[in-house]
Amino acid sequence: MSEHIAFIGLGSNLEDPRSQLQRAFAALGELPGTCLVAQSSLYRSAPLGFQDQPDFVNAVAKIATALSPQALLQALLQIEHSHGRERTFRNAPRTLDLDILLYDDVRLHEHGLTIPHPQMHRRAFVLRPLLEIAPDASIPAVGDARNALQECHDQSLERLADVA
């Protein structure tokens, strides 16, 4: 089996978001044929879209995996489900959100799965933690993640202190 490098975006704003993300990092490392290579710091960000909800806590994980993009997506959906994720409406508050941001240099668009994540280059809460663990990250069809982050200068983001 060949190994692929993927970056996963994590987000939560319900039921102790920091704990949700820490448990999700652990769950990523327990996926079949998968190893958690790196995890970013946690960041607090204001909600986008639907505003009447708590701030989010976000992070990015780097994994090495033998799973295909489709199998990885199914595994991520299962982790979300195990954390009590309910999809009530677009941009709703959530216990856990896991998104495939990048998968090698793959460009893929099919029902339910687009890689790279179609909005990642517009979101500071994705780009800053991504650059923390992958300083040279590049987004296929977009370019250097560092340049994309500069375009997000109007989005506030707070790095949270590590919890002992």
C-alpha atoms as a PDB file:
ATOM      1  CA  MET A   1       0.000   0.000   0.000  1.00  0.00           C
ATOM      2  CA  SER A   2       1.272   3.422  -0.859  1.00  0.00           C
ATOM      3  CA  GLU A   3       1.266   6.156   1.730  1.00  0.00           C
ATOM      4  CA  HIS A   4      -0.342   9.518   1.096  1.00  0.00           C
ATOM      5  CA  ILE A   5       0.017  12.792   2.962  1.00  0.00           C
ATOM      6  CA  ALA A   6      -3.224  14.546   3.823  1.00  0.00           C
ATOM      7  CA  PHE A   7      -4.095  17.625   5.827  1.00  0.00           C
ATOM      8  CA  ILE A   8      -7.326  17.623   7.814  1.00  0.00           C
ATOM      9  CA  GLY A   9      -9.109  20.732   9.074  1.00  0.00           C
ATOM     10  CA  LEU A  10     -10.737  20.380  12.481  1.00  0.00           C
ATOM     11  CA  GLY A  11     -13.360  22.668  13.987  1.00  0.00           C
ATOM     12  CA  SER A  12     -15.772  22.690  16.928  1.00  0.00           C
ATOM     13  CA  ASN A  13     -17.900  25.194  18.808  1.00  0.00           C
ATOM     14  CA  LEU A  14     -20.085  22.963  21.006  1.00  0.00           C
ATOM     15  CA  GLU A  15     -19.582  20.721  24.045  1.00  0.00           C
ATOM     16  CA  ASP A  16     -16.027  21.710  25.078  1.00  0.00           C
ATOM     17  CA  PRO A  17     -14.446  22.416  21.676  1.00  0.00           C
ATOM     18  CA  ARG A  18     -10.836  22.033  22.902  1.00  0.00           C
ATOM     19  CA  SER A  19     -11.605  18.546  24.194  1.00  0.00           C
ATOM     20  CA  GLN A  20     -13.471  17.673  20.983  1.00  0.00           C
ATOM     21  CA  LEU A  21     -10.390  18.572  18.922  1.00  0.00           C
ATOM     22  CA  GLN A  22      -7.958  16.719  21.193  1.00  0.00           C
ATOM     23  CA  ARG A  23     -10.116  13.583  20.964  1.00  0.00           C
ATOM     24  CA  ALA A  24     -10.372  14.023  17.189  1.00  0.00           C
ATOM     25  CA  PHE A  25      -6.564  14.223  16.848  1.00  0.00           C
ATOM     26  CA  ALA A  26      -6.345  10.896  18.695  1.00  0.00           C
ATOM     27  CA  ALA A  27      -9.075   9.359  16.521  1.00  0.00           C
ATOM     28  CA  LEU A  28      -7.239  10.404  13.330  1.00  0.00           C
ATOM     29  CA  GLY A  29      -4.152   8.529  14.490  1.00  0.00           C
ATOM     30  CA  GLU A  30      -6.241   5.413  15.107  1.00  0.00           C
ATOM     31  CA  LEU A  31      -7.676   5.194  11.577  1.00  0.00           C
ATOM     32  CA  PRO A  32      -6.636   2.049   9.650  1.00  0.00           C
ATOM     33  CA  GLY A  33      -3.317   2.476   7.829  1.00  0.00           C
ATOM     34  CA  THR A  34      -3.002   6.010   9.187  1.00  0.00           C
ATOM     35  CA  CYS A  35      -0.485   7.849  11.368  1.00  0.00           C
ATOM     36  CA  LEU A  36      -0.892  11.313  12.880  1.00  0.00           C
ATOM     37  CA  VAL A  37       2.283  13.105  11.759  1.00  0.00           C
ATOM     38  CA  ALA A  38       1.695  16.599  13.156  1.00  0.00           C
ATOM     39  CA  GLN A  39      -0.981  18.712  14.778  1.00  0.00           C
ATOM     40  CA  SER A  40      -1.220  22.473  14.913  1.00  0.00           C
ATOM     41  CA  SER A  41      -1.979  24.658  17.871  1.00  0.00           C
ATOM     42  CA  LEU A  42      -5.624  25.422  18.556  1.00  0.00           C
ATOM     43  CA  TYR A  43      -7.047  28.713  17.310  1.00  0.00           C
ATOM     44  CA  ARG A  44     -10.221  30.604  18.194  1.00  0.00           C
ATOM     45  CA  SER A  45     -12.150  32.208  15.346  1.00  0.00           C
ATOM     46  CA  ALA A  46     -15.468  33.971  14.895  1.00  0.00           C
ATOM     47  CA  PRO A  47     -18.103  32.012  12.962  1.00  0.00           C
ATOM     48  CA  LEU A  48     -18.468  32.609   9.226  1.00  0.00           C
ATOM     49  CA  GLY A  49     -21.867  32.527   7.568  1.00  0.00           C
ATOM     50  CA  PHE A  50     -24.369  31.969  10.389  1.00  0.00           C
ATOM     51  CA  GLN A  51     -23.226  34.442  13.069  1.00  0.00           C
ATOM     52  CA  ASP A  52     -25.535  33.672  16.009  1.00  0.00           C
ATOM     53  CA  GLN A  53     -23.396  30.926  17.556  1.00  0.00           C
ATOM     54  CA  PRO A  54     -20.304  30.515  19.763  1.00  0.00           C
ATOM     55  CA  ASP A  55     -16.784  31.103  18.438  1.00  0.00           C
ATOM     56  CA  PHE A  56     -15.041  28.102  16.907  1.00  0.00           C
ATOM     57  CA  VAL A  57     -11.868  26.358  17.945  1.00  0.00           C
ATOM     58  CA  ASN A  58      -9.923  25.219  14.877  1.00  0.00           C
ATOM     59  CA  ALA A  59      -6.768  23.268  14.091  1.00  0.00           C
ATOM     60  CA  VAL A  60      -5.101  21.308  11.287  1.00  0.00           C
ATOM     61  CA  ALA A  61      -3.673  17.789  11.387  1.00  0.00           C
ATOM     62  CA  LYS A  62      -1.129  16.250   9.038  1.00  0.00           C
ATOM     63  CA  ILE A  63      -1.582  12.522   8.509  1.00  0.00           C
ATOM     64  CA  ALA A  64       0.123   9.811   6.519  1.00  0.00           C
ATOM     65  CA  THR A  65      -2.507   7.365   5.299  1.00  0.00           C
ATOM     66  CA  ALA A  66      -3.033   4.377   3.042  1.00  0.00           C
ATOM     67  CA  LEU A  67      -6.725   5.278   2.742  1.00  0.00           C
ATOM     68  CA  SER A  68      -8.064   6.595  -0.558  1.00  0.00           C
ATOM     69  CA  PRO A  69      -9.640  10.069  -0.491  1.00  0.00           C
ATOM     70  CA  GLN A  70     -13.121   8.508  -0.520  1.00  0.00           C
ATOM     71  CA  ALA A  71     -12.304   6.033   2.270  1.00  0.00           C
ATOM     72  CA  LEU A  72     -10.725   8.846   4.301  1.00  0.00           C
ATOM     73  CA  LEU A  73     -13.856  10.975   3.890  1.00  0.00           C
ATOM     74  CA  GLN A  74     -16.042   8.104   5.124  1.00  0.00           C
ATOM     75  CA  ALA A  75     -13.747   7.613   8.126  1.00  0.00           C
ATOM     76  CA  LEU A  76     -13.902  11.334   8.951  1.00  0.00           C
ATOM     77  CA  LEU A  77     -17.704  11.314   8.741  1.00  0.00           C
ATOM     78  CA  GLN A  78     -17.726   8.357  11.142  1.00  0.00           C
ATOM     79  CA  ILE A  79     -15.511  10.247  13.624  1.00  0.00           C
ATOM     80  CA  GLU A  80     -17.833  13.272  13.384  1.00  0.00           C
ATOM     81  CA  HIS A  81     -20.829  11.002  14.021  1.00  0.00           C
ATOM     82  CA  SER A  82     -19.139   9.431  17.059  1.00  0.00           C
ATOM     83  CA  HIS A  83     -18.681  12.966  18.447  1.00  0.00           C
ATOM     84  CA  GLY A  84     -22.406  13.658  18.106  1.00  0.00           C
ATOM     85  CA  ARG A  85     -22.260  15.745  14.928  1.00  0.00           C
ATOM     86  CA  GLU A  86     -25.678  16.692  13.633  1.00  0.00           C
ATOM     87  CA  ARG A  87     -26.157  18.471  10.313  1.00  0.00           C
ATOM     88  CA  THR A  88     -29.155  20.689  11.008  1.00  0.00           C
ATOM     89  CA  PHE A  89     -28.426  23.494   8.515  1.00  0.00           C
ATOM     90  CA  ARG A  90     -25.510  24.982   6.589  1.00  0.00           C
ATOM     91  CA  ASN A  91     -22.885  26.579   8.870  1.00  0.00           C
ATOM     92  CA  ALA A  92     -24.757  25.418  11.978  1.00  0.00           C
ATOM     93  CA  PRO A  93     -23.013  25.065  15.344  1.00  0.00           C
ATOM     94  CA  ARG A  94     -21.275  21.685  15.590  1.00  0.00           C
ATOM     95  CA  THR A  95     -19.543  19.377  18.017  1.00  0.00           C
ATOM     96  CA  LEU A  96     -16.963  18.442  15.394  1.00  0.00           C
ATOM     97  CA  ASP A  97     -16.228  19.243  11.773  1.00  0.00           C
ATOM     98  CA  LEU A  98     -13.489  17.385   9.888  1.00  0.00           C
ATOM     99  CA  ASP A  99     -12.541  18.379   6.336  1.00  0.00           C
ATOM    100  CA  ILE A 100      -9.969  16.990   3.940  1.00  0.00           C
ATOM    101  CA  LEU A 101      -8.019  20.098   3.002  1.00  0.00           C
ATOM    102  CA  LEU A 102      -5.230  18.574   0.923  1.00  0.00           C
ATOM    103  CA  TYR A 103      -4.416  15.029  -0.181  1.00  0.00           C
ATOM    104  CA  ASP A 104      -0.986  14.807  -1.837  1.00  0.00           C
ATOM    105  CA  ASP A 105      -1.261  17.097  -4.874  1.00  0.00           C
ATOM    106  CA  VAL A 106      -4.613  15.606  -5.866  1.00  0.00           C
ATOM    107  CA  ARG A 107      -7.301  17.724  -7.507  1.00  0.00           C
ATOM    108  CA  LEU A 108     -10.647  15.984  -7.254  1.00  0.00           C
ATOM    109  CA  HIS A 109     -14.256  17.052  -7.626  1.00  0.00           C
ATOM    110  CA  GLU A 110     -17.031  14.543  -7.174  1.00  0.00           C
ATOM    111  CA  HIS A 111     -20.308  14.364  -5.277  1.00  0.00           C
ATOM    112  CA  GLY A 112     -19.593  15.127  -1.616  1.00  0.00           C
ATOM    113  CA  LEU A 113     -15.826  15.508  -2.001  1.00  0.00           C
ATOM    114  CA  THR A 114     -13.695  18.292  -3.459  1.00  0.00           C
ATOM    115  CA  ILE A 115      -9.913  18.348  -2.967  1.00  0.00           C
ATOM    116  CA  PRO A 116      -8.338  20.748  -2.281  1.00  0.00           C
ATOM    117  CA  HIS A 117     -11.113  22.015  -0.008  1.00  0.00           C
ATOM    118  CA  PRO A 118     -12.814  24.695  -2.144  1.00  0.00           C
ATOM    119  CA  GLN A 119     -12.872  27.412   0.565  1.00  0.00           C
ATOM    120  CA  MET A 120      -9.588  26.734   2.356  1.00  0.00           C
ATOM    121  CA  HIS A 121      -7.654  29.532   0.636  1.00  0.00           C
ATOM    122  CA  ARG A 122     -10.206  32.072   1.926  1.00  0.00           C
ATOM    123  CA  ARG A 123     -10.087  31.035   5.602  1.00  0.00           C
ATOM    124  CA  ALA A 124      -7.443  32.249   8.032  1.00  0.00           C
ATOM    125  CA  PHE A 125      -8.580  29.601  10.541  1.00  0.00           C
ATOM    126  CA  VAL A 126      -7.418  26.948   8.047  1.00  0.00           C
ATOM    127  CA  LEU A 127      -4.356  28.637   6.576  1.00  0.00           C
ATOM    128  CA  ARG A 128      -2.616  29.780   9.759  1.00  0.00           C
ATOM    129  CA  PRO A 129      -2.664  26.360  11.493  1.00  0.00           C
ATOM    130  CA  LEU A 130      -1.764  24.699   8.171  1.00  0.00           C
ATOM    131  CA  LEU A 131       1.284  26.943   7.780  1.00  0.00           C
ATOM    132  CA  GLU A 132       2.268  26.283  11.395  1.00  0.00           C
ATOM    133  CA  ILE A 133       2.817  22.569  10.622  1.00  0.00           C
ATOM    134  CA  ALA A 134       3.600  22.883   6.875  1.00  0.00           C
ATOM    135  CA  PRO A 135       5.380  26.228   6.326  1.00  0.00           C
ATOM    136  CA  ASP A 136       5.858  25.565   2.606  1.00  0.00           C
ATOM    137  CA  ALA A 137       2.280  24.414   1.942  1.00  0.00           C
ATOM    138  CA  SER A 138       0.939  24.979  -1.534  1.00  0.00           C
ATOM    139  CA  ILE A 139      -2.675  24.636  -2.622  1.00  0.00           C
ATOM    140  CA  PRO A 140      -3.189  23.036  -6.057  1.00  0.00           C
ATOM    141  CA  ALA A 141      -4.660  25.553  -8.532  1.00  0.00           C
ATOM    142  CA  VAL A 142      -4.275  28.364  -5.949  1.00  0.00           C
ATOM    143  CA  GLY A 143      -0.578  28.478  -5.074  1.00  0.00           C
ATOM    144  CA  ASP A 144       1.372  29.362  -1.959  1.00  0.00           C
ATOM    145  CA  ALA A 145      -0.752  29.122   1.219  1.00  0.00           C
ATOM    146  CA  ARG A 146       1.260  31.977   2.746  1.00  0.00           C
ATOM    147  CA  ASN A 147       0.104  34.337  -0.014  1.00  0.00           C
ATOM    148  CA  ALA A 148      -3.496  33.172   0.450  1.00  0.00           C
ATOM    149  CA  LEU A 149      -3.263  33.922   4.185  1.00  0.00           C
ATOM    150  CA  GLN A 150      -2.243  37.520   3.435  1.00  0.00           C
ATOM    151  CA  GLU A 151      -5.560  37.917   1.587  1.00  0.00           C
ATOM    152  CA  CYS A 152      -7.390  36.956   4.817  1.00  0.00           C
ATOM    153  CA  HIS A 153      -5.981  39.861   6.848  1.00  0.00           C
ATOM    154  CA  ASP A 154      -9.482  41.010   7.851  1.00  0.00           C
ATOM    155  CA  GLN A 155     -10.278  37.735   9.688  1.00  0.00           C
ATOM    156  CA  SER A 156      -9.474  37.683  13.393  1.00  0.00           C
ATOM    157  CA  LEU A 157      -7.796  34.611  14.771  1.00  0.00           C
ATOM    158  CA  GLU A 158      -6.438  33.944  18.250  1.00  0.00           C
ATOM    159  CA  ARG A 159      -3.912  31.216  19.006  1.00  0.00           C
ATOM    160  CA  LEU A 160      -4.984  29.520  22.218  1.00  0.00           C
ATOM    161  CA  ALA A 161      -2.477  28.713  24.936  1.00  0.00           C
ATOM    162  CA  ASP A 162      -1.648  25.035  25.214  1.00  0.00           C
ATOM    163  CA  VAL A 163      -3.521  23.303  27.992  1.00  0.00           C
ATOM    164  CA  ALA A 164      -1.293  21.276  30.315  1.00  0.00           C
END
